[in-house]
Amino acid sequence: MQIEGGPTTQANVYDPATDAWSDAPSLLGTSMDGFGNSSFACHGALYVSTISGSLQRLSADGKCWNFVGQLDHPRFFHRMLPWKDSSLVAVGGGNMSVGKVTEVDLIPVRN
């Protein structure tokens, strides 16, 4: 959220090795795609899922987000976690059309 003007796709990335935040490229999509998203570093990459259900991966050089998939059940204020060796799982959250999301999305990812 911006101080004024609502949601934004502006992103920042935290590096635990340096204990520092840095600017990242803006997420793909509309300003609402920056609202209530979930991100998780796994399988050697940083992923984010947005309110529209877009799954994005930060490029290896950190210069852009790439669309890598679509959640079956778009959601916001949810959790996304690694699953086995090649997937993410999205749980919980809400959806403006259906309310509370009770379905689990299993998302295969490839680096």
PDB file of N, CA and C in Angstrom:
ATOM      1  N   MET A   1       0.844  -1.189   0.000  1.00  0.00           N
ATOM      2  CA  MET A   1       0.000   0.000   0.000  1.00  0.00           C
ATOM      3  C   MET A   1       0.887   1.249   0.000  1.00  0.00           C
ATOM      4  N   GLN A   2       0.447   2.222  -0.758  1.00  0.00           N
ATOM      5  CA  GLN A   2       1.138   3.499  -0.777  1.00  0.00           C
ATOM      6  C   GLN A   2       0.628   4.370   0.363  1.00  0.00           C
ATOM      7  N   ILE A   3       1.400   5.358   0.747  1.00  0.00           N
ATOM      8  CA  ILE A   3       0.957   6.284   1.788  1.00  0.00           C
ATOM      9  C   ILE A   3      -0.349   6.933   1.353  1.00  0.00           C
ATOM     10  N   GLU A   4      -0.415   7.323   0.085  1.00  0.00           N
ATOM     11  CA  GLU A   4      -1.637   7.859  -0.500  1.00  0.00           C
ATOM     12  C   GLU A   4      -1.863   7.177  -1.843  1.00  0.00           C
ATOM     13  N   GLY A   5      -3.088   6.842  -2.159  1.00  0.00           N
ATOM     14  CA  GLY A   5      -3.389   6.329  -3.478  1.00  0.00           C
ATOM     15  C   GLY A   5      -3.659   4.852  -3.577  1.00  0.00           C
ATOM     16  N   GLY A   6      -3.653   4.115  -2.491  1.00  0.00           N
ATOM     17  CA  GLY A   6      -4.031   2.710  -2.543  1.00  0.00           C
ATOM     18  C   GLY A   6      -2.905   1.750  -2.877  1.00  0.00           C
ATOM     19  N   PRO A   7      -3.278   0.578  -3.398  1.00  0.00           N
ATOM     20  CA  PRO A   7      -2.289  -0.467  -3.645  1.00  0.00           C
ATOM     21  C   PRO A   7      -1.354  -0.133  -4.813  1.00  0.00           C
ATOM     22  N   THR A   8      -0.215  -0.798  -4.815  1.00  0.00           N
ATOM     23  CA  THR A   8       0.786  -0.607  -5.857  1.00  0.00           C
ATOM     24  C   THR A   8       1.460  -1.941  -6.154  1.00  0.00           C
ATOM     25  N   THR A   9       2.041  -2.057  -7.320  1.00  0.00           N
ATOM     26  CA  THR A   9       2.797  -3.260  -7.659  1.00  0.00           C
ATOM     27  C   THR A   9       4.284  -3.100  -7.344  1.00  0.00           C
ATOM     28  N   GLN A  10       4.639  -1.980  -6.744  1.00  0.00           N
ATOM     29  CA  GLN A  10       6.040  -1.765  -6.356  1.00  0.00           C
ATOM     30  C   GLN A  10       6.457  -2.880  -5.403  1.00  0.00           C
ATOM     31  N   ALA A  11       7.674  -3.400  -5.569  1.00  0.00           N
ATOM     32  CA  ALA A  11       8.138  -4.512  -4.749  1.00  0.00           C
ATOM     33  C   ALA A  11       9.523  -4.230  -4.176  1.00  0.00           C
ATOM     34  N   ASN A  12       9.780  -4.822  -3.037  1.00  0.00           N
ATOM     35  CA  ASN A  12      11.087  -4.782  -2.401  1.00  0.00           C
ATOM     36  C   ASN A  12      11.463  -6.206  -2.025  1.00  0.00           C
ATOM     37  N   VAL A  13      12.764  -6.493  -1.999  1.00  0.00           N
ATOM     38  CA  VAL A  13      13.247  -7.834  -1.702  1.00  0.00           C
ATOM     39  C   VAL A  13      14.195  -7.755  -0.511  1.00  0.00           C
ATOM     40  N   TYR A  14      14.002  -8.666   0.447  1.00  0.00           N
ATOM     41  CA  TYR A  14      14.881  -8.757   1.615  1.00  0.00           C
ATOM     42  C   TYR A  14      15.902  -9.862   1.399  1.00  0.00           C
ATOM     43  N   ASP A  15      17.169  -9.558   1.640  1.00  0.00           N
ATOM     44  CA  ASP A  15      18.246 -10.530   1.539  1.00  0.00           C
ATOM     45  C   ASP A  15      18.744 -10.851   2.943  1.00  0.00           C
ATOM     46  N   PRO A  16      18.414 -12.040   3.462  1.00  0.00           N
ATOM     47  CA  PRO A  16      18.836 -12.363   4.835  1.00  0.00           C
ATOM     48  C   PRO A  16      20.354 -12.467   4.982  1.00  0.00           C
ATOM     49  N   ALA A  17      21.072 -12.747   3.903  1.00  0.00           N
ATOM     50  CA  ALA A  17      22.529 -12.843   3.983  1.00  0.00           C
ATOM     51  C   ALA A  17      23.162 -11.488   4.301  1.00  0.00           C
ATOM     52  N   THR A  18      22.562 -10.420   3.765  1.00  0.00           N
ATOM     53  CA  THR A  18      23.098  -9.076   4.010  1.00  0.00           C
ATOM     54  C   THR A  18      22.254  -8.285   5.005  1.00  0.00           C
ATOM     55  N   ASP A  19      21.117  -8.858   5.410  1.00  0.00           N
ATOM     56  CA  ASP A  19      20.171  -8.181   6.307  1.00  0.00           C
ATOM     57  C   ASP A  19      19.764  -6.819   5.739  1.00  0.00           C
ATOM     58  N   ALA A  20      19.480  -6.809   4.423  1.00  0.00           N
ATOM     59  CA  ALA A  20      19.142  -5.542   3.760  1.00  0.00           C
ATOM     60  C   ALA A  20      17.985  -5.726   2.782  1.00  0.00           C
ATOM     61  N   TRP A  21      17.216  -4.635   2.641  1.00  0.00           N
ATOM     62  CA  TRP A  21      16.144  -4.566   1.660  1.00  0.00           C
ATOM     63  C   TRP A  21      16.656  -3.850   0.424  1.00  0.00           C
ATOM     64  N   SER A  22      16.135  -4.220  -0.738  1.00  0.00           N
ATOM     65  CA  SER A  22      16.478  -3.514  -1.974  1.00  0.00           C
ATOM     66  C   SER A  22      15.222  -3.401  -2.841  1.00  0.00           C
ATOM     67  N   ASP A  23      15.233  -2.413  -3.727  1.00  0.00           N
ATOM     68  CA  ASP A  23      14.124  -2.249  -4.666  1.00  0.00           C
ATOM     69  C   ASP A  23      14.134  -3.413  -5.648  1.00  0.00           C
ATOM     70  N   ALA A  24      12.953  -3.855  -6.011  1.00  0.00           N
ATOM     71  CA  ALA A  24      12.783  -4.894  -7.022  1.00  0.00           C
ATOM     72  C   ALA A  24      11.902  -4.315  -8.121  1.00  0.00           C
ATOM     73  N   PRO A  25      11.853  -4.957  -9.267  1.00  0.00           N
ATOM     74  CA  PRO A  25      10.942  -4.471 -10.313  1.00  0.00           C
ATOM     75  C   PRO A  25       9.492  -4.597  -9.857  1.00  0.00           C
ATOM     76  N   SER A  26       8.624  -3.804 -10.440  1.00  0.00           N
ATOM     77  CA  SER A  26       7.200  -3.880 -10.116  1.00  0.00           C
ATOM     78  C   SER A  26       6.627  -5.214 -10.574  1.00  0.00           C
ATOM     79  N   LEU A  27       5.651  -5.712  -9.824  1.00  0.00           N
ATOM     80  CA  LEU A  27       4.963  -6.944 -10.199  1.00  0.00           C
ATOM     81  C   LEU A  27       4.194  -6.742 -11.490  1.00  0.00           C
ATOM     82  N   LEU A  28       3.945  -7.819 -12.199  1.00  0.00           N
ATOM     83  CA  LEU A  28       3.114  -7.769 -13.401  1.00  0.00           C
ATOM     84  C   LEU A  28       1.657  -7.575 -12.981  1.00  0.00           C
ATOM     85  N   GLY A  29       0.883  -6.860 -13.768  1.00  0.00           N
ATOM     86  CA  GLY A  29      -0.542  -6.711 -13.508  1.00  0.00           C
ATOM     87  C   GLY A  29      -0.935  -5.309 -13.098  1.00  0.00           C
ATOM     88  N   THR A  30      -2.174  -5.212 -12.618  1.00  0.00           N
ATOM     89  CA  THR A  30      -2.720  -3.922 -12.189  1.00  0.00           C
ATOM     90  C   THR A  30      -2.284  -3.634 -10.756  1.00  0.00           C
ATOM     91  N   SER A  31      -2.569  -2.437 -10.282  1.00  0.00           N
ATOM     92  CA  SER A  31      -2.170  -2.066  -8.923  1.00  0.00           C
ATOM     93  C   SER A  31      -2.738  -3.028  -7.883  1.00  0.00           C
ATOM     94  N   MET A  32      -3.913  -3.599  -8.142  1.00  0.00           N
ATOM     95  CA  MET A  32      -4.499  -4.542  -7.185  1.00  0.00           C
ATOM     96  C   MET A  32      -3.670  -5.816  -7.054  1.00  0.00           C
ATOM     97  N   ASP A  33      -2.851  -6.160  -8.059  1.00  0.00           N
ATOM     98  CA  ASP A  33      -2.008  -7.340  -7.960  1.00  0.00           C
ATOM     99  C   ASP A  33      -0.947  -7.196  -6.868  1.00  0.00           C
ATOM    100  N   GLY A  34      -0.729  -5.977  -6.404  1.00  0.00           N
ATOM    101  CA  GLY A  34       0.183  -5.767  -5.292  1.00  0.00           C
ATOM    102  C   GLY A  34      -0.484  -5.904  -3.935  1.00  0.00           C
ATOM    103  N   PHE A  35      -1.789  -6.085  -3.907  1.00  0.00           N
ATOM    104  CA  PHE A  35      -2.564  -6.116  -2.659  1.00  0.00           C
ATOM    105  C   PHE A  35      -2.685  -7.535  -2.114  1.00  0.00           C
ATOM    106  N   GLY A  36      -2.231  -7.738  -0.891  1.00  0.00           N
ATOM    107  CA  GLY A  36      -2.449  -9.006  -0.189  1.00  0.00           C
ATOM    108  C   GLY A  36      -1.817 -10.209  -0.856  1.00  0.00           C
ATOM    109  N   ASN A  37      -0.691 -10.009  -1.553  1.00  0.00           N
ATOM    110  CA  ASN A  37      -0.069 -11.146  -2.221  1.00  0.00           C
ATOM    111  C   ASN A  37       0.738 -11.990  -1.242  1.00  0.00           C
ATOM    112  N   SER A  38       1.255 -13.103  -1.741  1.00  0.00           N
ATOM    113  CA  SER A  38       2.102 -13.987  -0.942  1.00  0.00           C
ATOM    114  C   SER A  38       3.367 -14.271  -1.725  1.00  0.00           C
ATOM    115  N   SER A  39       4.492 -14.279  -1.037  1.00  0.00           N
ATOM    116  CA  SER A  39       5.743 -14.585  -1.718  1.00  0.00           C
ATOM    117  C   SER A  39       6.534 -15.599  -0.901  1.00  0.00           C
ATOM    118  N   PHE A  40       7.370 -16.357  -1.611  1.00  0.00           N
ATOM    119  CA  PHE A  40       8.173 -17.369  -0.940  1.00  0.00           C
ATOM    120  C   PHE A  40       9.374 -17.694  -1.805  1.00  0.00           C
ATOM    121  N   ALA A  41      10.532 -17.777  -1.172  1.00  0.00           N
ATOM    122  CA  ALA A  41      11.740 -18.192  -1.879  1.00  0.00           C
ATOM    123  C   ALA A  41      11.872 -19.705  -1.740  1.00  0.00           C
ATOM    124  N   CYS A  42      11.941 -20.374  -2.875  1.00  0.00           N
ATOM    125  CA  CYS A  42      12.124 -21.820  -2.845  1.00  0.00           C
ATOM    126  C   CYS A  42      12.631 -22.297  -4.195  1.00  0.00           C
ATOM    127  N   HIS A  43      13.244 -23.472  -4.166  1.00  0.00           N
ATOM    128  CA  HIS A  43      13.771 -24.067  -5.387  1.00  0.00           C
ATOM    129  C   HIS A  43      14.721 -23.106  -6.097  1.00  0.00           C
ATOM    130  N   GLY A  44      15.434 -22.270  -5.322  1.00  0.00           N
ATOM    131  CA  GLY A  44      16.419 -21.362  -5.892  1.00  0.00           C
ATOM    132  C   GLY A  44      15.865 -20.116  -6.541  1.00  0.00           C
ATOM    133  N   ALA A  45      14.596 -19.802  -6.303  1.00  0.00           N
ATOM    134  CA  ALA A  45      13.986 -18.621  -6.929  1.00  0.00           C
ATOM    135  C   ALA A  45      12.984 -17.980  -5.973  1.00  0.00           C
ATOM    136  N   LEU A  46      12.609 -16.737  -6.275  1.00  0.00           N
ATOM    137  CA  LEU A  46      11.589 -16.028  -5.498  1.00  0.00           C
ATOM    138  C   LEU A  46      10.302 -15.995  -6.305  1.00  0.00           C
ATOM    139  N   TYR A  47       9.218 -16.454  -5.695  1.00  0.00           N
ATOM    140  CA  TYR A  47       7.901 -16.518  -6.331  1.00  0.00           C
ATOM    141  C   TYR A  47       6.933 -15.606  -5.595  1.00  0.00           C
ATOM    142  N   VAL A  48       5.936 -15.096  -6.324  1.00  0.00           N
ATOM    143  CA  VAL A  48       4.845 -14.334  -5.730  1.00  0.00           C
ATOM    144  C   VAL A  48       3.546 -14.742  -6.421  1.00  0.00           C
ATOM    145  N   SER A  49       2.487 -14.863  -5.631  1.00  0.00           N
ATOM    146  CA  SER A  49       1.157 -15.079  -6.206  1.00  0.00           C
ATOM    147  C   SER A  49       0.304 -13.883  -5.816  1.00  0.00           C
ATOM    148  N   THR A  50      -0.505 -13.425  -6.771  1.00  0.00           N
ATOM    149  CA  THR A  50      -1.226 -12.168  -6.596  1.00  0.00           C
ATOM    150  C   THR A  50      -2.738 -12.382  -6.487  1.00  0.00           C
ATOM    151  N   ILE A  51      -3.438 -11.315  -6.182  1.00  0.00           N
ATOM    152  CA  ILE A  51      -4.886 -11.349  -6.018  1.00  0.00           C
ATOM    153  C   ILE A  51      -5.604 -11.871  -7.267  1.00  0.00           C
ATOM    154  N   SER A  52      -4.992 -11.691  -8.444  1.00  0.00           N
ATOM    155  CA  SER A  52      -5.601 -12.187  -9.686  1.00  0.00           C
ATOM    156  C   SER A  52      -5.273 -13.653  -9.948  1.00  0.00           C
ATOM    157  N   GLY A  53      -4.447 -14.245  -9.078  1.00  0.00           N
ATOM    158  CA  GLY A  53      -4.058 -15.646  -9.244  1.00  0.00           C
ATOM    159  C   GLY A  53      -2.804 -15.831 -10.065  1.00  0.00           C
ATOM    160  N   SER A  54      -2.176 -14.747 -10.465  1.00  0.00           N
ATOM    161  CA  SER A  54      -0.949 -14.805 -11.257  1.00  0.00           C
ATOM    162  C   SER A  54       0.207 -15.307 -10.392  1.00  0.00           C
ATOM    163  N   LEU A  55       0.932 -16.299 -10.879  1.00  0.00           N
ATOM    164  CA  LEU A  55       2.152 -16.758 -10.217  1.00  0.00           C
ATOM    165  C   LEU A  55       3.321 -16.210 -11.011  1.00  0.00           C
ATOM    166  N   GLN A  56       4.198 -15.480 -10.325  1.00  0.00           N
ATOM    167  CA  GLN A  56       5.323 -14.830 -10.971  1.00  0.00           C
ATOM    168  C   GLN A  56       6.620 -15.246 -10.287  1.00  0.00           C
ATOM    169  N   ARG A  57       7.706 -15.295 -11.078  1.00  0.00           N
ATOM    170  CA  ARG A  57       9.024 -15.628 -10.544  1.00  0.00           C
ATOM    171  C   ARG A  57       9.980 -14.490 -10.900  1.00  0.00           C
ATOM    172  N   LEU A  58      10.762 -14.067  -9.910  1.00  0.00           N
ATOM    173  CA  LEU A  58      11.761 -13.035 -10.154  1.00  0.00           C
ATOM    174  C   LEU A  58      12.886 -13.631 -11.003  1.00  0.00           C
ATOM    175  N   SER A  59      13.273 -12.938 -12.062  1.00  0.00           N
ATOM    176  CA  SER A  59      14.335 -13.434 -12.943  1.00  0.00           C
ATOM    177  C   SER A  59      15.640 -13.579 -12.154  1.00  0.00           C
ATOM    178  N   ALA A  60      16.524 -14.424 -12.651  1.00  0.00           N
ATOM    179  CA  ALA A  60      17.794 -14.689 -11.970  1.00  0.00           C
ATOM    180  C   ALA A  60      18.616 -13.418 -11.789  1.00  0.00           C
ATOM    181  N   ASP A  61      18.511 -12.480 -12.728  1.00  0.00           N
ATOM    182  CA  ASP A  61      19.261 -11.228 -12.600  1.00  0.00           C
ATOM    183  C   ASP A  61      18.513 -10.184 -11.765  1.00  0.00           C
ATOM    184  N   GLY A  62      17.281 -10.519 -11.324  1.00  0.00           N
ATOM    185  CA  GLY A  62      16.506  -9.619 -10.472  1.00  0.00           C
ATOM    186  C   GLY A  62      15.931  -8.411 -11.182  1.00  0.00           C
ATOM    187  N   LYS A  63      15.910  -8.431 -12.509  1.00  0.00           N
ATOM    188  CA  LYS A  63      15.471  -7.254 -13.265  1.00  0.00           C
ATOM    189  C   LYS A  63      14.014  -7.274 -13.693  1.00  0.00           C
ATOM    190  N   CYS A  64      13.355  -8.443 -13.618  1.00  0.00           N
ATOM    191  CA  CYS A  64      11.956  -8.494 -14.036  1.00  0.00           C
ATOM    192  C   CYS A  64      11.249  -9.695 -13.403  1.00  0.00           C
ATOM    193  N   TRP A  65       9.930  -9.606 -13.352  1.00  0.00           N
ATOM    194  CA  TRP A  65       9.095 -10.727 -12.936  1.00  0.00           C
ATOM    195  C   TRP A  65       8.608 -11.433 -14.192  1.00  0.00           C
ATOM    196  N   ASN A  66       8.580 -12.747 -14.156  1.00  0.00           N
ATOM    197  CA  ASN A  66       8.088 -13.548 -15.273  1.00  0.00           C
ATOM    198  C   ASN A  66       6.837 -14.296 -14.841  1.00  0.00           C
ATOM    199  N   PHE A  67       5.812 -14.269 -15.679  1.00  0.00           N
ATOM    200  CA  PHE A  67       4.592 -15.034 -15.433  1.00  0.00           C
ATOM    201  C   PHE A  67       4.922 -16.509 -15.627  1.00  0.00           C
ATOM    202  N   VAL A  68       4.646 -17.337 -14.602  1.00  0.00           N
ATOM    203  CA  VAL A  68       4.969 -18.762 -14.700  1.00  0.00           C
ATOM    204  C   VAL A  68       3.772 -19.669 -14.441  1.00  0.00           C
ATOM    205  N   GLY A  69       2.609 -19.102 -14.141  1.00  0.00           N
ATOM    206  CA  GLY A  69       1.440 -19.934 -13.922  1.00  0.00           C
ATOM    207  C   GLY A  69       0.268 -19.161 -13.362  1.00  0.00           C
ATOM    208  N   GLN A  70      -0.835 -19.869 -13.201  1.00  0.00           N
ATOM    209  CA  GLN A  70      -2.077 -19.263 -12.728  1.00  0.00           C
ATOM    210  C   GLN A  70      -2.704 -20.158 -11.671  1.00  0.00           C
ATOM    211  N   LEU A  71      -3.029 -19.601 -10.503  1.00  0.00           N
ATOM    212  CA  LEU A  71      -3.726 -20.369  -9.479  1.00  0.00           C
ATOM    213  C   LEU A  71      -5.131 -20.697  -9.959  1.00  0.00           C
ATOM    214  N   ASP A  72      -5.604 -21.885  -9.650  1.00  0.00           N
ATOM    215  CA  ASP A  72      -6.980 -22.256  -9.980  1.00  0.00           C
ATOM    216  C   ASP A  72      -7.972 -21.443  -9.163  1.00  0.00           C
ATOM    217  N   HIS A  73      -7.572 -21.045  -7.957  1.00  0.00           N
ATOM    218  CA  HIS A  73      -8.439 -20.295  -7.050  1.00  0.00           C
ATOM    219  C   HIS A  73      -7.719 -19.016  -6.617  1.00  0.00           C
ATOM    220  N   PRO A  74      -7.867 -17.920  -7.390  1.00  0.00           N
ATOM    221  CA  PRO A  74      -7.215 -16.667  -7.022  1.00  0.00           C
ATOM    222  C   PRO A  74      -7.588 -16.257  -5.598  1.00  0.00           C
ATOM    223  N   ARG A  75      -6.637 -15.643  -4.910  1.00  0.00           N
ATOM    224  CA  ARG A  75      -6.829 -15.321  -3.488  1.00  0.00           C
ATOM    225  C   ARG A  75      -5.903 -14.194  -3.061  1.00  0.00           C
ATOM    226  N   PHE A  76      -6.230 -13.574  -1.934  1.00  0.00           N
ATOM    227  CA  PHE A  76      -5.355 -12.572  -1.327  1.00  0.00           C
ATOM    228  C   PHE A  76      -5.250 -12.874   0.163  1.00  0.00           C
ATOM    229  N   PHE A  77      -4.207 -12.333   0.792  1.00  0.00           N
ATOM    230  CA  PHE A  77      -3.896 -12.601   2.204  1.00  0.00           C
ATOM    231  C   PHE A  77      -3.855 -14.099   2.486  1.00  0.00           C
ATOM    232  N   HIS A  78      -3.117 -14.801   1.659  1.00  0.00           N
ATOM    233  CA  HIS A  78      -2.966 -16.244   1.746  1.00  0.00           C
ATOM    234  C   HIS A  78      -1.516 -16.596   2.058  1.00  0.00           C
ATOM    235  N   ARG A  79      -1.237 -17.871   2.153  1.00  0.00           N
ATOM    236  CA  ARG A  79       0.123 -18.348   2.359  1.00  0.00           C
ATOM    237  C   ARG A  79       0.508 -19.259   1.204  1.00  0.00           C
ATOM    238  N   MET A  80       1.753 -19.131   0.792  1.00  0.00           N
ATOM    239  CA  MET A  80       2.298 -19.980  -0.251  1.00  0.00           C
ATOM    240  C   MET A  80       3.574 -20.598   0.302  1.00  0.00           C
ATOM    241  N   LEU A  81       3.702 -21.914   0.169  1.00  0.00           N
ATOM    242  CA  LEU A  81       4.826 -22.645   0.749  1.00  0.00           C
ATOM    243  C   LEU A  81       5.367 -23.663  -0.246  1.00  0.00           C
ATOM    244  N   PRO A  82       6.645 -24.057  -0.079  1.00  0.00           N
ATOM    245  CA  PRO A  82       7.185 -25.084  -0.975  1.00  0.00           C
ATOM    246  C   PRO A  82       6.547 -26.436  -0.686  1.00  0.00           C
ATOM    247  N   TRP A  83       6.448 -27.245  -1.726  1.00  0.00           N
ATOM    248  CA  TRP A  83       5.883 -28.593  -1.591  1.00  0.00           C
ATOM    249  C   TRP A  83       6.759 -29.545  -2.388  1.00  0.00           C
ATOM    250  N   LYS A  84       7.333 -30.498  -1.697  1.00  0.00           N
ATOM    251  CA  LYS A  84       8.225 -31.483  -2.309  1.00  0.00           C
ATOM    252  C   LYS A  84       9.325 -30.777  -3.093  1.00  0.00           C
ATOM    253  N   ASP A  85       9.779 -31.354  -4.170  1.00  0.00           N
ATOM    254  CA  ASP A  85      10.929 -30.794  -4.872  1.00  0.00           C
ATOM    255  C   ASP A  85      10.591 -29.831  -6.004  1.00  0.00           C
ATOM    256  N   SER A  86       9.337 -29.808  -6.442  1.00  0.00           N
ATOM    257  CA  SER A  86       9.076 -29.012  -7.641  1.00  0.00           C
ATOM    258  C   SER A  86       7.718 -28.327  -7.647  1.00  0.00           C
ATOM    259  N   SER A  87       7.182 -28.033  -6.481  1.00  0.00           N
ATOM    260  CA  SER A  87       5.855 -27.401  -6.442  1.00  0.00           C
ATOM    261  C   SER A  87       5.757 -26.400  -5.294  1.00  0.00           C
ATOM    262  N   LEU A  88       4.750 -25.558  -5.397  1.00  0.00           N
ATOM    263  CA  LEU A  88       4.331 -24.665  -4.319  1.00  0.00           C
ATOM    264  C   LEU A  88       2.899 -25.013  -3.975  1.00  0.00           C
ATOM    265  N   VAL A  89       2.501 -24.734  -2.744  1.00  0.00           N
ATOM    266  CA  VAL A  89       1.117 -24.932  -2.346  1.00  0.00           C
ATOM    267  C   VAL A  89       0.589 -23.601  -1.815  1.00  0.00           C
ATOM    268  N   ALA A  90      -0.604 -23.214  -2.265  1.00  0.00           N
ATOM    269  CA  ALA A  90      -1.258 -21.991  -1.794  1.00  0.00           C
ATOM    270  C   ALA A  90      -2.453 -22.396  -0.933  1.00  0.00           C
ATOM    271  N   VAL A  91      -2.521 -21.835   0.260  1.00  0.00           N
ATOM    272  CA  VAL A  91      -3.595 -22.174   1.195  1.00  0.00           C
ATOM    273  C   VAL A  91      -4.202 -20.901   1.780  1.00  0.00           C
ATOM    274  N   GLY A  92      -5.469 -21.016   2.177  1.00  0.00           N
ATOM    275  CA  GLY A  92      -6.152 -19.936   2.875  1.00  0.00           C
ATOM    276  C   GLY A  92      -6.417 -18.728   2.003  1.00  0.00           C
ATOM    277  N   GLY A  93      -6.684 -17.635   2.656  1.00  0.00           N
ATOM    278  CA  GLY A  93      -6.927 -16.378   1.976  1.00  0.00           C
ATOM    279  C   GLY A  93      -8.387 -16.142   1.657  1.00  0.00           C
ATOM    280  N   GLY A  94      -8.615 -15.052   0.983  1.00  0.00           N
ATOM    281  CA  GLY A  94      -9.960 -14.668   0.594  1.00  0.00           C
ATOM    282  C   GLY A  94     -10.027 -14.356  -0.887  1.00  0.00           C
ATOM    283  N   ASN A  95     -11.246 -14.267  -1.382  1.00  0.00           N
ATOM    284  CA  ASN A  95     -11.508 -13.946  -2.777  1.00  0.00           C
ATOM    285  C   ASN A  95     -12.720 -13.027  -2.785  1.00  0.00           C
ATOM    286  N   MET A  96     -12.652 -11.940  -3.546  1.00  0.00           N
ATOM    287  CA  MET A  96     -13.736 -10.950  -3.552  1.00  0.00           C
ATOM    288  C   MET A  96     -15.064 -11.542  -4.013  1.00  0.00           C
ATOM    289  N   SER A  97     -15.042 -12.597  -4.830  1.00  0.00           N
ATOM    290  CA  SER A  97     -16.274 -13.190  -5.347  1.00  0.00           C
ATOM    291  C   SER A  97     -16.858 -14.261  -4.438  1.00  0.00           C
ATOM    292  N   VAL A  98     -15.989 -15.079  -3.830  1.00  0.00           N
ATOM    293  CA  VAL A  98     -16.487 -16.230  -3.071  1.00  0.00           C
ATOM    294  C   VAL A  98     -16.254 -16.134  -1.567  1.00  0.00           C
ATOM    295  N   GLY A  99     -15.523 -15.125  -1.125  1.00  0.00           N
ATOM    296  CA  GLY A  99     -15.225 -15.005   0.300  1.00  0.00           C
ATOM    297  C   GLY A  99     -14.015 -15.850   0.669  1.00  0.00           C
ATOM    298  N   LYS A 100     -14.129 -16.580   1.759  1.00  0.00           N
ATOM    299  CA  LYS A 100     -13.026 -17.402   2.254  1.00  0.00           C
ATOM    300  C   LYS A 100     -12.716 -18.526   1.262  1.00  0.00           C
ATOM    301  N   VAL A 101     -11.431 -18.663   0.910  1.00  0.00           N
ATOM    302  CA  VAL A 101     -11.013 -19.723  -0.017  1.00  0.00           C
ATOM    303  C   VAL A 101     -10.649 -20.960   0.805  1.00  0.00           C
ATOM    304  N   THR A 102     -11.348 -22.060   0.566  1.00  0.00           N
ATOM    305  CA  THR A 102     -11.081 -23.295   1.307  1.00  0.00           C
ATOM    306  C   THR A 102     -10.300 -24.312   0.485  1.00  0.00           C
ATOM    307  N   GLU A 103     -10.190 -24.094  -0.817  1.00  0.00           N
ATOM    308  CA  GLU A 103      -9.458 -25.002  -1.685  1.00  0.00           C
ATOM    309  C   GLU A 103      -7.954 -24.761  -1.558  1.00  0.00           C
ATOM    310  N   VAL A 104      -7.181 -25.806  -1.805  1.00  0.00           N
ATOM    311  CA  VAL A 104      -5.726 -25.737  -1.825  1.00  0.00           C
ATOM    312  C   VAL A 104      -5.272 -25.801  -3.277  1.00  0.00           C
ATOM    313  N   ASP A 105      -4.365 -24.928  -3.664  1.00  0.00           N
ATOM    314  CA  ASP A 105      -3.795 -24.967  -5.017  1.00  0.00           C
ATOM    315  C   ASP A 105      -2.392 -25.559  -4.943  1.00  0.00           C
ATOM    316  N   LEU A 106      -2.137 -26.567  -5.730  1.00  0.00           N
ATOM    317  CA  LEU A 106      -0.809 -27.148  -5.889  1.00  0.00           C
ATOM    318  C   LEU A 106      -0.275 -26.665  -7.232  1.00  0.00           C
ATOM    319  N   ILE A 107       0.843 -25.953  -7.196  1.00  0.00           N
ATOM    320  CA  ILE A 107       1.361 -25.283  -8.377  1.00  0.00           C
ATOM    321  C   ILE A 107       2.729 -25.860  -8.746  1.00  0.00           C
ATOM    322  N   PRO A 108       2.835 -26.575  -9.850  1.00  0.00           N
ATOM    323  CA  PRO A 108       4.155 -27.047 -10.263  1.00  0.00           C
ATOM    324  C   PRO A 108       5.006 -25.872 -10.751  1.00  0.00           C
ATOM    325  N   VAL A 109       6.264 -25.849 -10.345  1.00  0.00           N
ATOM    326  CA  VAL A 109       7.178 -24.798 -10.790  1.00  0.00           C
ATOM    327  C   VAL A 109       8.438 -25.451 -11.340  1.00  0.00           C
ATOM    328  N   ARG A 110       9.002 -24.807 -12.335  1.00  0.00           N
ATOM    329  CA  ARG A 110      10.256 -25.277 -12.930  1.00  0.00           C
ATOM    330  C   ARG A 110      11.194 -24.096 -13.042  1.00  0.00           C
ATOM    331  N   ASN A 111      12.428 -24.299 -12.700  1.00  0.00           N
ATOM    332  CA  ASN A 111      13.424 -23.225 -12.814  1.00  0.00           C
ATOM    333  C   ASN A 111      14.075 -23.239 -14.172  1.00  0.00           C
TER     334      ASN A 111
END
